[in-house]
PDB file of N, CA and C in Angstrom:
ATOM      1  N   MET A   1       0.833  -1.181   0.000  1.00  0.00           N
ATOM      2  CA  MET A   1       0.000   0.000   0.000  1.00  0.00           C
ATOM      3  C   MET A   1       0.879   1.246   0.000  1.00  0.00           C
ATOM      4  N   GLN A   2       0.604   2.156  -0.906  1.00  0.00           N
ATOM      5  CA  GLN A   2       1.371   3.383  -0.978  1.00  0.00           C
ATOM      6  C   GLN A   2       0.781   4.408  -0.020  1.00  0.00           C
ATOM      7  N   VAL A   3       1.649   5.190   0.579  1.00  0.00           N
ATOM      8  CA  VAL A   3       1.190   6.226   1.500  1.00  0.00           C
ATOM      9  C   VAL A   3       1.522   7.601   0.917  1.00  0.00           C
ATOM     10  N   TYR A   4       0.677   8.554   1.247  1.00  0.00           N
ATOM     11  CA  TYR A   4       0.804   9.913   0.731  1.00  0.00           C
ATOM     12  C   TYR A   4       0.739  10.893   1.884  1.00  0.00           C
ATOM     13  N   LYS A   5       1.202  12.102   1.631  1.00  0.00           N
ATOM     14  CA  LYS A   5       1.058  13.166   2.606  1.00  0.00           C
ATOM     15  C   LYS A   5       0.948  14.489   1.881  1.00  0.00           C
ATOM     16  N   VAL A   6       0.395  15.453   2.559  1.00  0.00           N
ATOM     17  CA  VAL A   6       0.281  16.801   2.018  1.00  0.00           C
ATOM     18  C   VAL A   6       1.563  17.548   2.396  1.00  0.00           C
ATOM     19  N   ILE A   7       2.212  18.109   1.402  1.00  0.00           N
ATOM     20  CA  ILE A   7       3.471  18.829   1.598  1.00  0.00           C
ATOM     21  C   ILE A   7       3.192  20.327   1.548  1.00  0.00           C
ATOM     22  N   LYS A   8       3.714  21.066   2.526  1.00  0.00           N
ATOM     23  CA  LYS A   8       3.614  22.524   2.540  1.00  0.00           C
ATOM     24  C   LYS A   8       4.910  23.099   1.987  1.00  0.00           C
ATOM     25  N   THR A   9       4.808  23.955   0.976  1.00  0.00           N
ATOM     26  CA  THR A   9       5.973  24.594   0.383  1.00  0.00           C
ATOM     27  C   THR A   9       5.759  26.098   0.414  1.00  0.00           C
ATOM     28  N   GLU A  10       6.667  26.801   1.083  1.00  0.00           N
ATOM     29  CA  GLU A  10       6.589  28.258   1.123  1.00  0.00           C
ATOM     30  C   GLU A  10       7.504  28.827   0.052  1.00  0.00           C
ATOM     31  N   HIS A  11       7.018  29.846  -0.649  1.00  0.00           N
ATOM     32  CA  HIS A  11       7.762  30.419  -1.766  1.00  0.00           C
ATOM     33  C   HIS A  11       8.195  31.853  -1.486  1.00  0.00           C
ATOM     34  N   VAL A  12       8.365  32.209  -0.237  1.00  0.00           N
ATOM     35  CA  VAL A  12       8.798  33.554   0.126  1.00  0.00           C
ATOM     36  C   VAL A  12      10.017  33.451   1.045  1.00  0.00           C
ATOM     37  N   ARG A  13      10.902  34.426   0.934  1.00  0.00           N
ATOM     38  CA  ARG A  13      12.070  34.434   1.820  1.00  0.00           C
ATOM     39  C   ARG A  13      11.679  34.808   3.239  1.00  0.00           C
ATOM     40  N   LYS A  14      10.901  35.866   3.354  1.00  0.00           N
ATOM     41  CA  LYS A  14      10.457  36.333   4.657  1.00  0.00           C
ATOM     42  C   LYS A  14       8.933  36.285   4.677  1.00  0.00           C
ATOM     43  N   ARG A  15       8.391  35.599   5.651  1.00  0.00           N
ATOM     44  CA  ARG A  15       6.940  35.440   5.742  1.00  0.00           C
ATOM     45  C   ARG A  15       6.284  36.769   6.100  1.00  0.00           C
ATOM     46  N   PRO A  16       5.269  37.173   5.332  1.00  0.00           N
ATOM     47  CA  PRO A  16       4.461  38.322   5.758  1.00  0.00           C
ATOM     48  C   PRO A  16       3.679  37.947   7.020  1.00  0.00           C
ATOM     49  N   LYS A  17       3.283  38.952   7.792  1.00  0.00           N
ATOM     50  CA  LYS A  17       2.571  38.681   9.043  1.00  0.00           C
ATOM     51  C   LYS A  17       1.266  37.936   8.803  1.00  0.00           C
ATOM     52  N   TRP A  18       0.545  38.275   7.729  1.00  0.00           N
ATOM     53  CA  TRP A  18      -0.722  37.604   7.465  1.00  0.00           C
ATOM     54  C   TRP A  18      -0.504  36.123   7.200  1.00  0.00           C
ATOM     55  N   LEU A  19       0.630  35.779   6.549  1.00  0.00           N
ATOM     56  CA  LEU A  19       0.916  34.380   6.251  1.00  0.00           C
ATOM     57  C   LEU A  19       1.254  33.614   7.522  1.00  0.00           C
ATOM     58  N   MET A  20       2.023  34.244   8.413  1.00  0.00           N
ATOM     59  CA  MET A  20       2.350  33.587   9.685  1.00  0.00           C
ATOM     60  C   MET A  20       1.085  33.321  10.493  1.00  0.00           C
ATOM     61  N   ARG A  21       0.190  34.308  10.568  1.00  0.00           N
ATOM     62  CA  ARG A  21      -1.054  34.121  11.328  1.00  0.00           C
ATOM     63  C   ARG A  21      -1.924  33.035  10.704  1.00  0.00           C
ATOM     64  N   PHE A  22      -1.933  32.977   9.391  1.00  0.00           N
ATOM     65  CA  PHE A  22      -2.734  31.967   8.715  1.00  0.00           C
ATOM     66  C   PHE A  22      -2.162  30.565   8.931  1.00  0.00           C
ATOM     67  N   LEU A  23      -0.849  30.408   8.795  1.00  0.00           N
ATOM     68  CA  LEU A  23      -0.233  29.085   8.941  1.00  0.00           C
ATOM     69  C   LEU A  23      -0.387  28.532  10.351  1.00  0.00           C
ATOM     70  N   ILE A  24      -0.442  29.417  11.342  1.00  0.00           N
ATOM     71  CA  ILE A  24      -0.645  28.970  12.724  1.00  0.00           C
ATOM     72  C   ILE A  24      -2.028  28.344  12.892  1.00  0.00           C
ATOM     73  N   LYS A  25      -2.999  28.810  12.122  1.00  0.00           N
ATOM     74  CA  LYS A  25      -4.372  28.307  12.245  1.00  0.00           C
ATOM     75  C   LYS A  25      -4.565  26.920  11.634  1.00  0.00           C
ATOM     76  N   ILE A  26      -3.637  26.482  10.791  1.00  0.00           N
ATOM     77  CA  ILE A  26      -3.781  25.180  10.138  1.00  0.00           C
ATOM     78  C   ILE A  26      -3.215  24.088  11.045  1.00  0.00           C
ATOM     79  N   PRO A  27      -4.021  23.115  11.426  1.00  0.00           N
ATOM     80  CA  PRO A  27      -3.496  22.018  12.248  1.00  0.00           C
ATOM     81  C   PRO A  27      -2.435  21.229  11.471  1.00  0.00           C
ATOM     82  N   THR A  28      -1.323  20.943  12.118  1.00  0.00           N
ATOM     83  CA  THR A  28      -0.234  20.230  11.437  1.00  0.00           C
ATOM     84  C   THR A  28      -0.630  18.819  11.047  1.00  0.00           C
ATOM     85  N   GLU A  29      -1.671  18.267  11.681  1.00  0.00           N
ATOM     86  CA  GLU A  29      -2.121  16.930  11.324  1.00  0.00           C
ATOM     87  C   GLU A  29      -2.604  16.874   9.872  1.00  0.00           C
ATOM     88  N   LEU A  30      -3.030  17.998   9.329  1.00  0.00           N
ATOM     89  CA  LEU A  30      -3.525  18.016   7.955  1.00  0.00           C
ATOM     90  C   LEU A  30      -2.414  17.857   6.929  1.00  0.00           C
ATOM     91  N   TYR A  31      -1.187  18.272   7.268  1.00  0.00           N
ATOM     92  CA  TYR A  31      -0.120  18.169   6.269  1.00  0.00           C
ATOM     93  C   TYR A  31       1.126  17.445   6.759  1.00  0.00           C
ATOM     94  N   GLU A  32       1.106  16.869   7.925  1.00  0.00           N
ATOM     95  CA  GLU A  32       2.280  16.147   8.418  1.00  0.00           C
ATOM     96  C   GLU A  32       2.117  14.630   8.395  1.00  0.00           C
ATOM     97  N   GLU A  33       0.889  14.145   8.530  1.00  0.00           N
ATOM     98  CA  GLU A  33       0.669  12.709   8.647  1.00  0.00           C
ATOM     99  C   GLU A  33       0.719  12.019   7.291  1.00  0.00           C
ATOM    100  N   THR A  34       1.219  10.789   7.284  1.00  0.00           N
ATOM    101  CA  THR A  34       1.190   9.969   6.073  1.00  0.00           C
ATOM    102  C   THR A  34      -0.110   9.170   6.090  1.00  0.00           C
ATOM    103  N   THR A  35      -0.831   9.203   4.967  1.00  0.00           N
ATOM    104  CA  THR A  35      -2.148   8.583   4.899  1.00  0.00           C
ATOM    105  C   THR A  35      -2.366   7.996   3.513  1.00  0.00           C
ATOM    106  N   SER A  36      -3.557   7.488   3.309  1.00  0.00           N
ATOM    107  CA  SER A  36      -3.931   7.002   1.984  1.00  0.00           C
ATOM    108  C   SER A  36      -4.200   8.197   1.069  1.00  0.00           C
ATOM    109  N   THR A  37      -4.320   7.935  -0.211  1.00  0.00           N
ATOM    110  CA  THR A  37      -4.535   9.014  -1.170  1.00  0.00           C
ATOM    111  C   THR A  37      -5.879   9.707  -0.952  1.00  0.00           C
ATOM    112  N   GLU A  38      -6.900   8.964  -0.537  1.00  0.00           N
ATOM    113  CA  GLU A  38      -8.204   9.567  -0.294  1.00  0.00           C
ATOM    114  C   GLU A  38      -8.164  10.499   0.908  1.00  0.00           C
ATOM    115  N   THR A  39      -7.494  10.068   1.971  1.00  0.00           N
ATOM    116  CA  THR A  39      -7.386  10.900   3.164  1.00  0.00           C
ATOM    117  C   THR A  39      -6.551  12.144   2.893  1.00  0.00           C
ATOM    118  N   ALA A  40      -5.468  11.993   2.124  1.00  0.00           N
ATOM    119  CA  ALA A  40      -4.633  13.141   1.774  1.00  0.00           C
ATOM    120  C   ALA A  40      -5.428  14.145   0.936  1.00  0.00           C
ATOM    121  N   ALA A  41      -6.249  13.655   0.027  1.00  0.00           N
ATOM    122  CA  ALA A  41      -7.092  14.551  -0.778  1.00  0.00           C
ATOM    123  C   ALA A  41      -8.121  15.250   0.104  1.00  0.00           C
ATOM    124  N   GLY A  42      -8.652  14.547   1.086  1.00  0.00           N
ATOM    125  CA  GLY A  42      -9.581  15.161   2.037  1.00  0.00           C
ATOM    126  C   GLY A  42      -8.909  16.236   2.874  1.00  0.00           C
ATOM    127  N   ASN A  43      -7.672  15.960   3.309  1.00  0.00           N
ATOM    128  CA  ASN A  43      -6.909  16.959   4.057  1.00  0.00           C
ATOM    129  C   ASN A  43      -6.641  18.189   3.215  1.00  0.00           C
ATOM    130  N   LEU A  44      -6.347  17.984   1.945  1.00  0.00           N
ATOM    131  CA  LEU A  44      -6.092  19.104   1.037  1.00  0.00           C
ATOM    132  C   LEU A  44      -7.362  19.947   0.858  1.00  0.00           C
ATOM    133  N   ARG A  45      -8.505  19.298   0.730  1.00  0.00           N
ATOM    134  CA  ARG A  45      -9.764  20.038   0.640  1.00  0.00           C
ATOM    135  C   ARG A  45     -10.038  20.808   1.928  1.00  0.00           C
ATOM    136  N   ALA A  46      -9.695  20.209   3.068  1.00  0.00           N
ATOM    137  CA  ALA A  46      -9.889  20.886   4.357  1.00  0.00           C
ATOM    138  C   ALA A  46      -9.007  22.128   4.451  1.00  0.00           C
ATOM    139  N   ILE A  47      -7.783  22.049   3.939  1.00  0.00           N
ATOM    140  CA  ILE A  47      -6.899  23.213   3.935  1.00  0.00           C
ATOM    141  C   ILE A  47      -7.483  24.306   3.047  1.00  0.00           C
ATOM    142  N   GLY A  48      -7.992  23.929   1.888  1.00  0.00           N
ATOM    143  CA  GLY A  48      -8.627  24.897   1.003  1.00  0.00           C
ATOM    144  C   GLY A  48      -9.824  25.565   1.666  1.00  0.00           C
ATOM    145  N   GLN A  49     -10.600  24.785   2.402  1.00  0.00           N
ATOM    146  CA  GLN A  49     -11.749  25.352   3.113  1.00  0.00           C
ATOM    147  C   GLN A  49     -11.293  26.288   4.226  1.00  0.00           C
ATOM    148  N   LEU A  50     -10.181  25.955   4.905  1.00  0.00           N
ATOM    149  CA  LEU A  50      -9.641  26.843   5.936  1.00  0.00           C
ATOM    150  C   LEU A  50      -9.211  28.180   5.344  1.00  0.00           C
ATOM    151  N   VAL A  51      -8.655  28.147   4.141  1.00  0.00           N
ATOM    152  CA  VAL A  51      -8.276  29.393   3.468  1.00  0.00           C
ATOM    153  C   VAL A  51      -9.520  30.252   3.250  1.00  0.00           C
ATOM    154  N   LEU A  52     -10.578  29.636   2.769  1.00  0.00           N
ATOM    155  CA  LEU A  52     -11.814  30.378   2.508  1.00  0.00           C
ATOM    156  C   LEU A  52     -12.455  30.883   3.799  1.00  0.00           C
ATOM    157  N   ASP A  53     -12.470  30.042   4.835  1.00  0.00           N
ATOM    158  CA  ASP A  53     -13.110  30.402   6.099  1.00  0.00           C
ATOM    159  C   ASP A  53     -12.314  31.428   6.900  1.00  0.00           C
ATOM    160  N   SER A  54     -11.002  31.471   6.703  1.00  0.00           N
ATOM    161  CA  SER A  54     -10.168  32.373   7.496  1.00  0.00           C
ATOM    162  C   SER A  54     -10.379  33.836   7.143  1.00  0.00           C
ATOM    163  N   GLY A  55     -10.866  34.106   5.948  1.00  0.00           N
ATOM    164  CA  GLY A  55     -11.084  35.483   5.533  1.00  0.00           C
ATOM    165  C   GLY A  55      -9.833  36.183   5.039  1.00  0.00           C
ATOM    166  N   VAL A  56      -8.743  35.444   4.892  1.00  0.00           N
ATOM    167  CA  VAL A  56      -7.491  36.067   4.461  1.00  0.00           C
ATOM    168  C   VAL A  56      -7.606  36.626   3.044  1.00  0.00           C
ATOM    169  N   LEU A  57      -8.413  36.008   2.213  1.00  0.00           N
ATOM    170  CA  LEU A  57      -8.568  36.494   0.839  1.00  0.00           C
ATOM    171  C   LEU A  57      -9.339  37.807   0.798  1.00  0.00           C
ATOM    172  N   GLU A  58     -10.291  37.980   1.730  1.00  0.00           N
ATOM    173  CA  GLU A  58     -11.056  39.214   1.775  1.00  0.00           C
ATOM    174  C   GLU A  58     -10.269  40.340   2.448  1.00  0.00           C
ATOM    175  N   LYS A  59      -9.499  39.984   3.468  1.00  0.00           N
ATOM    176  CA  LYS A  59      -8.739  40.999   4.201  1.00  0.00           C
ATOM    177  C   LYS A  59      -7.556  41.519   3.395  1.00  0.00           C
ATOM    178  N   ARG A  60      -6.921  40.633   2.657  1.00  0.00           N
ATOM    179  CA  ARG A  60      -5.752  41.009   1.859  1.00  0.00           C
ATOM    180  C   ARG A  60      -6.169  41.074   0.402  1.00  0.00           C
ATOM    181  N   LYS A  61      -6.512  42.252  -0.057  1.00  0.00           N
ATOM    182  CA  LYS A  61      -6.936  42.410  -1.451  1.00  0.00           C
ATOM    183  C   LYS A  61      -5.783  42.021  -2.365  1.00  0.00           C
ATOM    184  N   GLY A  62      -6.090  41.352  -3.433  1.00  0.00           N
ATOM    185  CA  GLY A  62      -5.056  40.952  -4.391  1.00  0.00           C
ATOM    186  C   GLY A  62      -4.562  39.533  -4.203  1.00  0.00           C
ATOM    187  N   LEU A  63      -5.030  38.834  -3.163  1.00  0.00           N
ATOM    188  CA  LEU A  63      -4.652  37.428  -2.996  1.00  0.00           C
ATOM    189  C   LEU A  63      -5.672  36.547  -3.693  1.00  0.00           C
ATOM    190  N   GLN A  64      -5.185  35.465  -4.251  1.00  0.00           N
ATOM    191  CA  GLN A  64      -6.061  34.530  -4.947  1.00  0.00           C
ATOM    192  C   GLN A  64      -5.777  33.115  -4.472  1.00  0.00           C
ATOM    193  N   LEU A  65      -6.803  32.300  -4.492  1.00  0.00           N
ATOM    194  CA  LEU A  65      -6.697  30.896  -4.125  1.00  0.00           C
ATOM    195  C   LEU A  65      -6.815  30.070  -5.390  1.00  0.00           C
ATOM    196  N   GLN A  66      -5.859  29.175  -5.567  1.00  0.00           N
ATOM    197  CA  GLN A  66      -5.945  28.217  -6.664  1.00  0.00           C
ATOM    198  C   GLN A  66      -6.134  26.844  -6.031  1.00  0.00           C
ATOM    199  N   GLN A  67      -7.223  26.188  -6.379  1.00  0.00           N
ATOM    200  CA  GLN A  67      -7.546  24.905  -5.765  1.00  0.00           C
ATOM    201  C   GLN A  67      -7.860  23.906  -6.862  1.00  0.00           C
ATOM    202  N   ARG A  68      -7.027  22.857  -6.932  1.00  0.00           N
ATOM    203  CA  ARG A  68      -7.252  21.755  -7.865  1.00  0.00           C
ATOM    204  C   ARG A  68      -7.297  20.462  -7.065  1.00  0.00           C
ATOM    205  N   ASP A  69      -7.381  19.338  -7.757  1.00  0.00           N
ATOM    206  CA  ASP A  69      -7.460  18.052  -7.056  1.00  0.00           C
ATOM    207  C   ASP A  69      -6.232  17.760  -6.220  1.00  0.00           C
ATOM    208  N   ASP A  70      -5.055  18.174  -6.684  1.00  0.00           N
ATOM    209  CA  ASP A  70      -3.819  17.817  -5.994  1.00  0.00           C
ATOM    210  C   ASP A  70      -3.020  18.998  -5.481  1.00  0.00           C
ATOM    211  N   ILE A  71      -3.531  20.235  -5.639  1.00  0.00           N
ATOM    212  CA  ILE A  71      -2.792  21.426  -5.203  1.00  0.00           C
ATOM    213  C   ILE A  71      -3.762  22.477  -4.668  1.00  0.00           C
ATOM    214  N   VAL A  72      -3.365  23.109  -3.570  1.00  0.00           N
ATOM    215  CA  VAL A  72      -4.017  24.308  -3.062  1.00  0.00           C
ATOM    216  C   VAL A  72      -2.910  25.337  -2.878  1.00  0.00           C
ATOM    217  N   SER A  73      -3.074  26.509  -3.486  1.00  0.00           N
ATOM    218  CA  SER A  73      -2.024  27.529  -3.369  1.00  0.00           C
ATOM    219  C   SER A  73      -2.643  28.903  -3.187  1.00  0.00           C
ATOM    220  N   ILE A  74      -1.884  29.767  -2.518  1.00  0.00           N
ATOM    221  CA  ILE A  74      -2.250  31.170  -2.362  1.00  0.00           C
ATOM    222  C   ILE A  74      -1.189  31.977  -3.098  1.00  0.00           C
ATOM    223  N   HIS A  75      -1.651  32.845  -3.993  1.00  0.00           N
ATOM    224  CA  HIS A  75      -0.712  33.679  -4.730  1.00  0.00           C
ATOM    225  C   HIS A  75      -1.326  35.053  -4.943  1.00  0.00           C
ATOM    226  N   SER A  76      -0.475  35.999  -5.349  1.00  0.00           N
ATOM    227  CA  SER A  76      -0.945  37.360  -5.580  1.00  0.00           C
ATOM    228  C   SER A  76      -1.631  37.438  -6.933  1.00  0.00           C
ATOM    229  N   SER A  77      -2.301  38.549  -7.165  1.00  0.00           N
ATOM    230  CA  SER A  77      -2.971  38.729  -8.451  1.00  0.00           C
ATOM    231  C   SER A  77      -1.962  38.848  -9.589  1.00  0.00           C
ATOM    232  N   ARG A  78      -0.731  39.159  -9.266  1.00  0.00           N
ATOM    233  CA  ARG A  78       0.332  39.231 -10.275  1.00  0.00           C
ATOM    234  C   ARG A  78       1.024  37.888 -10.486  1.00  0.00           C
ATOM    235  N   GLY A  79       0.617  36.886  -9.731  1.00  0.00           N
ATOM    236  CA  GLY A  79       1.159  35.544  -9.928  1.00  0.00           C
ATOM    237  C   GLY A  79       2.250  35.133  -8.966  1.00  0.00           C
ATOM    238  N   ARG A  80       2.612  35.989  -8.008  1.00  0.00           N
ATOM    239  CA  ARG A  80       3.649  35.629  -7.032  1.00  0.00           C
ATOM    240  C   ARG A  80       3.092  34.601  -6.050  1.00  0.00           C
ATOM    241  N   MET A  81       3.736  33.449  -5.989  1.00  0.00           N
ATOM    242  CA  MET A  81       3.292  32.366  -5.122  1.00  0.00           C
ATOM    243  C   MET A  81       3.773  32.632  -3.692  1.00  0.00           C
ATOM    244  N   TYR A  82       2.873  32.453  -2.720  1.00  0.00           N
ATOM    245  CA  TYR A  82       3.231  32.586  -1.313  1.00  0.00           C
ATOM    246  C   TYR A  82       3.391  31.219  -0.653  1.00  0.00           C
ATOM    247  N   VAL A  83       2.377  30.385  -0.771  1.00  0.00           N
ATOM    248  CA  VAL A  83       2.437  29.059  -0.152  1.00  0.00           C
ATOM    249  C   VAL A  83       1.643  28.091  -1.016  1.00  0.00           C
ATOM    250  N   ARG A  84       2.114  26.841  -1.022  1.00  0.00           N
ATOM    251  CA  ARG A  84       1.446  25.804  -1.805  1.00  0.00           C
ATOM    252  C   ARG A  84       1.380  24.529  -0.969  1.00  0.00           C
ATOM    253  N   PHE A  85       0.235  23.883  -1.008  1.00  0.00           N
ATOM    254  CA  PHE A  85       0.039  22.583  -0.392  1.00  0.00           C
ATOM    255  C   PHE A  85      -0.245  21.601  -1.504  1.00  0.00           C
ATOM    256  N   SER A  86       0.500  20.507  -1.551  1.00  0.00           N
ATOM    257  CA  SER A  86       0.313  19.521  -2.615  1.00  0.00           C
ATOM    258  C   SER A  86       0.428  18.121  -2.036  1.00  0.00           C
ATOM    259  N   ILE A  87      -0.130  17.160  -2.760  1.00  0.00           N
ATOM    260  CA  ILE A  87      -0.070  15.751  -2.349  1.00  0.00           C
ATOM    261  C   ILE A  87       1.177  15.119  -2.951  1.00  0.00           C
ATOM    262  N   SER A  88       1.933  14.419  -2.107  1.00  0.00           N
ATOM    263  CA  SER A  88       3.152  13.779  -2.566  1.00  0.00           C
ATOM    264  C   SER A  88       3.190  12.352  -2.022  1.00  0.00           C
ATOM    265  N   GLU A  89       3.772  11.483  -2.811  1.00  0.00           N
ATOM    266  CA  GLU A  89       3.910  10.083  -2.403  1.00  0.00           C
ATOM    267  C   GLU A  89       5.126   9.953  -1.486  1.00  0.00           C
ATOM    268  N   CYS A  90       4.952   9.252  -0.371  1.00  0.00           N
ATOM    269  CA  CYS A  90       6.050   9.001   0.559  1.00  0.00           C
ATOM    270  C   CYS A  90       6.733   7.701   0.181  1.00  0.00           C
ATOM    271  N   ARG A  91       8.027   7.703   0.256  1.00  0.00           N
ATOM    272  CA  ARG A  91       8.780   6.484  -0.090  1.00  0.00           C
ATOM    273  C   ARG A  91       9.436   5.906   1.115  1.00  0.00           C
TER     274      ARG A  91
END
């Protein structure tokens, strides 16, 4: 049985304050545990929902959420990536 996990990748040198406050709100169990592919996809959807529920997109004008089956990312309207959560296979 193959195991998967959600990987958090930050694409900024210095975290903005809004990003630090947002990352603190995400339980590490959502992106640290190794699970099946279905559970990892569920965790990724939960992270996407946390982004929407946190209000960070409304408070910080110009931020956008990109949500696909295997990736959730927050980036600026100009395309600058801040953080990305993706599903990766553990070996």
